[in-house]
Amino acid sequence: MDIFFQDPSAIPLPPEEVRIRALRAEPRPDGKRVRVTLELTPFLKRPSGEISVSDPAGEEAASASIVESMNPKMEFTLHLRGEPAAGRYTLRAVVFYLAEGSEGAADAPPDPTNRTVVDQAQADFVIP
């Protein structure tokens, strides 16, 4: 039995062409958690990313890092820090690729400070 995890008609794209297809935030009924959906175009090389949530005052209320995602569609739950205030929150996503290690070092790890951002998006949501 063959199992295919990706749509066979989807054409994987090189890093510079990878884009965010969808970014959604669904606050949970308790007002303390947010379900996040991030969907990317198919990719040849695994991208990394950062997700952040800003509260109504503009302060960071939650964040997450994505390290070389294997799947173009990701769903996860973020827990808001402290006692969440009612109001409009902003979810931001940045998708990037880390630069390879220094020249001459074939197996050097990527440099986390040297990254190329390929796309970013934001979505607002309200906590009553």
C-alpha atoms as a PDB file:
ATOM      1  CA  MET A   1       0.000   0.000   0.000  1.00  0.00           C
ATOM      2  CA  ASP A   2       1.373   3.421  -1.011  1.00  0.00           C
ATOM      3  CA  ILE A   3       0.804   6.443   1.205  1.00  0.00           C
ATOM      4  CA  PHE A   4       1.249   9.956  -0.203  1.00  0.00           C
ATOM      5  CA  PHE A   5       1.510  12.796   2.275  1.00  0.00           C
ATOM      6  CA  GLN A   6       1.586  15.577  -0.310  1.00  0.00           C
ATOM      7  CA  ASP A   7      -0.700  16.483  -3.157  1.00  0.00           C
ATOM      8  CA  PRO A   8       0.966  14.918  -6.222  1.00  0.00           C
ATOM      9  CA  SER A   9      -0.207  17.815  -8.407  1.00  0.00           C
ATOM     10  CA  ALA A  10       1.482  20.427  -6.173  1.00  0.00           C
ATOM     11  CA  ILE A  11       4.791  21.609  -7.591  1.00  0.00           C
ATOM     12  CA  PRO A  12       7.444  22.240  -4.900  1.00  0.00           C
ATOM     13  CA  LEU A  13       8.968  25.702  -5.194  1.00  0.00           C
ATOM     14  CA  PRO A  14      12.536  26.905  -4.637  1.00  0.00           C
ATOM     15  CA  PRO A  15      13.140  28.941  -1.454  1.00  0.00           C
ATOM     16  CA  GLU A  16      12.809  32.377  -3.054  1.00  0.00           C
ATOM     17  CA  GLU A  17       9.304  31.511  -4.352  1.00  0.00           C
ATOM     18  CA  VAL A  18       7.836  30.044  -1.137  1.00  0.00           C
ATOM     19  CA  ARG A  19       4.840  32.076   0.096  1.00  0.00           C
ATOM     20  CA  ILE A  20       2.268  32.034   2.876  1.00  0.00           C
ATOM     21  CA  ARG A  21      -1.049  30.800   1.479  1.00  0.00           C
ATOM     22  CA  ALA A  22      -3.093  31.201   4.659  1.00  0.00           C
ATOM     23  CA  LEU A  23      -2.673  32.511   8.197  1.00  0.00           C
ATOM     24  CA  ARG A  24      -5.577  32.163  10.622  1.00  0.00           C
ATOM     25  CA  ALA A  25      -6.097  32.641  14.345  1.00  0.00           C
ATOM     26  CA  GLU A  26      -9.025  31.189  16.266  1.00  0.00           C
ATOM     27  CA  PRO A  27      -9.213  32.223  19.919  1.00  0.00           C
ATOM     28  CA  ARG A  28     -10.326  29.390  22.194  1.00  0.00           C
ATOM     29  CA  PRO A  29     -13.400  29.934  24.402  1.00  0.00           C
ATOM     30  CA  ASP A  30     -11.257  30.375  27.543  1.00  0.00           C
ATOM     31  CA  GLY A  31      -9.587  33.465  26.002  1.00  0.00           C
ATOM     32  CA  LYS A  32      -6.158  32.179  27.059  1.00  0.00           C
ATOM     33  CA  ARG A  33      -5.256  30.125  24.001  1.00  0.00           C
ATOM     34  CA  VAL A  34      -5.234  30.713  20.243  1.00  0.00           C
ATOM     35  CA  ARG A  35      -5.308  28.029  17.569  1.00  0.00           C
ATOM     36  CA  VAL A  36      -3.044  29.077  14.689  1.00  0.00           C
ATOM     37  CA  THR A  37      -3.135  27.714  11.146  1.00  0.00           C
ATOM     38  CA  LEU A  38      -0.240  28.499   8.821  1.00  0.00           C
ATOM     39  CA  GLU A  39      -0.239  27.148   5.288  1.00  0.00           C
ATOM     40  CA  LEU A  40       2.654  27.580   2.848  1.00  0.00           C
ATOM     41  CA  THR A  41       3.110  26.827  -0.814  1.00  0.00           C
ATOM     42  CA  PRO A  42       4.830  23.469  -1.447  1.00  0.00           C
ATOM     43  CA  PHE A  43       8.609  23.762  -1.028  1.00  0.00           C
ATOM     44  CA  LEU A  44      11.815  22.068  -2.171  1.00  0.00           C
ATOM     45  CA  LYS A  45      13.837  23.102   0.880  1.00  0.00           C
ATOM     46  CA  ARG A  46      12.370  23.100   4.391  1.00  0.00           C
ATOM     47  CA  PRO A  47      11.637  26.659   5.618  1.00  0.00           C
ATOM     48  CA  SER A  48      11.825  28.066   9.125  1.00  0.00           C
ATOM     49  CA  GLY A  49       9.587  30.690  10.656  1.00  0.00           C
ATOM     50  CA  GLU A  50       8.527  32.783  13.597  1.00  0.00           C
ATOM     51  CA  ILE A  51       5.016  33.367  14.866  1.00  0.00           C
ATOM     52  CA  SER A  52       4.088  36.116  17.319  1.00  0.00           C
ATOM     53  CA  VAL A  53       0.917  37.491  18.877  1.00  0.00           C
ATOM     54  CA  SER A  54       0.643  41.104  20.038  1.00  0.00           C
ATOM     55  CA  ASP A  55      -1.988  42.136  22.578  1.00  0.00           C
ATOM     56  CA  PRO A  56      -4.198  45.270  22.258  1.00  0.00           C
ATOM     57  CA  ALA A  57      -1.415  47.373  23.858  1.00  0.00           C
ATOM     58  CA  GLY A  58       1.112  46.146  21.270  1.00  0.00           C
ATOM     59  CA  GLU A  59       3.050  43.964  23.729  1.00  0.00           C
ATOM     60  CA  GLU A  60       4.078  40.427  22.745  1.00  0.00           C
ATOM     61  CA  ALA A  61       1.590  37.984  24.268  1.00  0.00           C
ATOM     62  CA  ALA A  62       2.862  34.739  22.696  1.00  0.00           C
ATOM     63  CA  SER A  63       5.476  33.480  20.267  1.00  0.00           C
ATOM     64  CA  ALA A  64       6.711  30.302  18.625  1.00  0.00           C
ATOM     65  CA  SER A  65       9.592  29.277  16.389  1.00  0.00           C
ATOM     66  CA  ILE A  66       9.352  26.847  13.506  1.00  0.00           C
ATOM     67  CA  VAL A  67      12.577  25.070  12.583  1.00  0.00           C
ATOM     68  CA  GLU A  68      12.751  23.587   9.088  1.00  0.00           C
ATOM     69  CA  SER A  69       9.133  22.546   8.760  1.00  0.00           C
ATOM     70  CA  MET A  70       8.500  19.281   6.949  1.00  0.00           C
ATOM     71  CA  ASN A  71       4.857  20.083   6.113  1.00  0.00           C
ATOM     72  CA  PRO A  72       3.397  23.060   4.257  1.00  0.00           C
ATOM     73  CA  LYS A  73       0.305  23.081   6.516  1.00  0.00           C
ATOM     74  CA  MET A  74       0.848  23.603  10.238  1.00  0.00           C
ATOM     75  CA  GLU A  75      -1.625  23.898  13.101  1.00  0.00           C
ATOM     76  CA  PHE A  76      -0.695  24.608  16.692  1.00  0.00           C
ATOM     77  CA  THR A  77      -1.981  26.252  19.866  1.00  0.00           C
ATOM     78  CA  LEU A  78      -0.339  29.300  21.416  1.00  0.00           C
ATOM     79  CA  HIS A  79      -0.899  30.097  25.099  1.00  0.00           C
ATOM     80  CA  LEU A  80      -1.243  33.817  25.815  1.00  0.00           C
ATOM     81  CA  ARG A  81       0.966  35.134  28.630  1.00  0.00           C
ATOM     82  CA  GLY A  82      -0.574  36.481  31.797  1.00  0.00           C
ATOM     83  CA  GLU A  83      -4.252  37.319  32.048  1.00  0.00           C
ATOM     84  CA  PRO A  84      -5.397  38.124  28.489  1.00  0.00           C
ATOM     85  CA  ALA A  85      -7.101  41.476  27.987  1.00  0.00           C
ATOM     86  CA  ALA A  86     -10.191  41.778  25.840  1.00  0.00           C
ATOM     87  CA  GLY A  87      -9.636  43.469  22.496  1.00  0.00           C
ATOM     88  CA  ARG A  88      -7.969  43.171  19.097  1.00  0.00           C
ATOM     89  CA  TYR A  89      -4.837  41.016  18.879  1.00  0.00           C
ATOM     90  CA  THR A  90      -2.446  40.715  15.930  1.00  0.00           C
ATOM     91  CA  LEU A  91      -0.922  37.446  14.742  1.00  0.00           C
ATOM     92  CA  ARG A  92       2.255  37.789  12.660  1.00  0.00           C
ATOM     93  CA  ALA A  93       4.142  35.123  10.728  1.00  0.00           C
ATOM     94  CA  VAL A  94       7.561  35.387   9.092  1.00  0.00           C
ATOM     95  CA  VAL A  95       8.913  32.609   6.861  1.00  0.00           C
ATOM     96  CA  PHE A  96      12.646  32.495   6.191  1.00  0.00           C
ATOM     97  CA  TYR A  97      15.641  30.374   5.237  1.00  0.00           C
ATOM     98  CA  LEU A  98      18.874  30.317   7.199  1.00  0.00           C
ATOM     99  CA  ALA A  99      22.122  30.880   5.322  1.00  0.00           C
ATOM    100  CA  GLU A 100      24.359  27.838   5.043  1.00  0.00           C
ATOM    101  CA  GLY A 101      27.492  27.571   7.230  1.00  0.00           C
ATOM    102  CA  SER A 102      30.653  29.488   6.422  1.00  0.00           C
ATOM    103  CA  GLU A 103      32.579  28.728   3.266  1.00  0.00           C
ATOM    104  CA  GLY A 104      35.121  25.967   3.580  1.00  0.00           C
ATOM    105  CA  ALA A 105      33.196  24.183   6.327  1.00  0.00           C
ATOM    106  CA  ALA A 106      31.021  21.634   4.533  1.00  0.00           C
ATOM    107  CA  ASP A 107      29.190  20.480   7.651  1.00  0.00           C
ATOM    108  CA  ALA A 108      29.058  23.815   9.525  1.00  0.00           C
ATOM    109  CA  PRO A 109      25.645  24.566  11.042  1.00  0.00           C
ATOM    110  CA  PRO A 110      23.542  27.418   9.629  1.00  0.00           C
ATOM    111  CA  ASP A 111      24.064  30.860  11.127  1.00  0.00           C
ATOM    112  CA  PRO A 112      20.810  31.829  12.967  1.00  0.00           C
ATOM    113  CA  THR A 113      21.598  35.542  12.585  1.00  0.00           C
ATOM    114  CA  ASN A 114      21.924  35.321   8.794  1.00  0.00           C
ATOM    115  CA  ARG A 115      18.502  34.634   7.338  1.00  0.00           C
ATOM    116  CA  THR A 116      16.581  35.465   4.182  1.00  0.00           C
ATOM    117  CA  VAL A 117      12.930  36.358   4.720  1.00  0.00           C
ATOM    118  CA  VAL A 118      10.786  35.053   1.853  1.00  0.00           C
ATOM    119  CA  ASP A 119       7.310  36.067   3.079  1.00  0.00           C
ATOM    120  CA  GLN A 120       5.382  37.523   5.980  1.00  0.00           C
ATOM    121  CA  ALA A 121       1.734  37.956   6.850  1.00  0.00           C
ATOM    122  CA  GLN A 122      -0.512  39.116   9.649  1.00  0.00           C
ATOM    123  CA  ALA A 123      -4.055  38.472  10.791  1.00  0.00           C
ATOM    124  CA  ASP A 124      -6.126  40.199  13.447  1.00  0.00           C
ATOM    125  CA  PHE A 125      -8.477  38.474  15.871  1.00  0.00           C
ATOM    126  CA  VAL A 126     -10.600  39.594  18.802  1.00  0.00           C
ATOM    127  CA  ILE A 127     -10.803  38.230  22.307  1.00  0.00           C
ATOM    128  CA  PRO A 128     -14.122  39.343  23.833  1.00  0.00           C
END
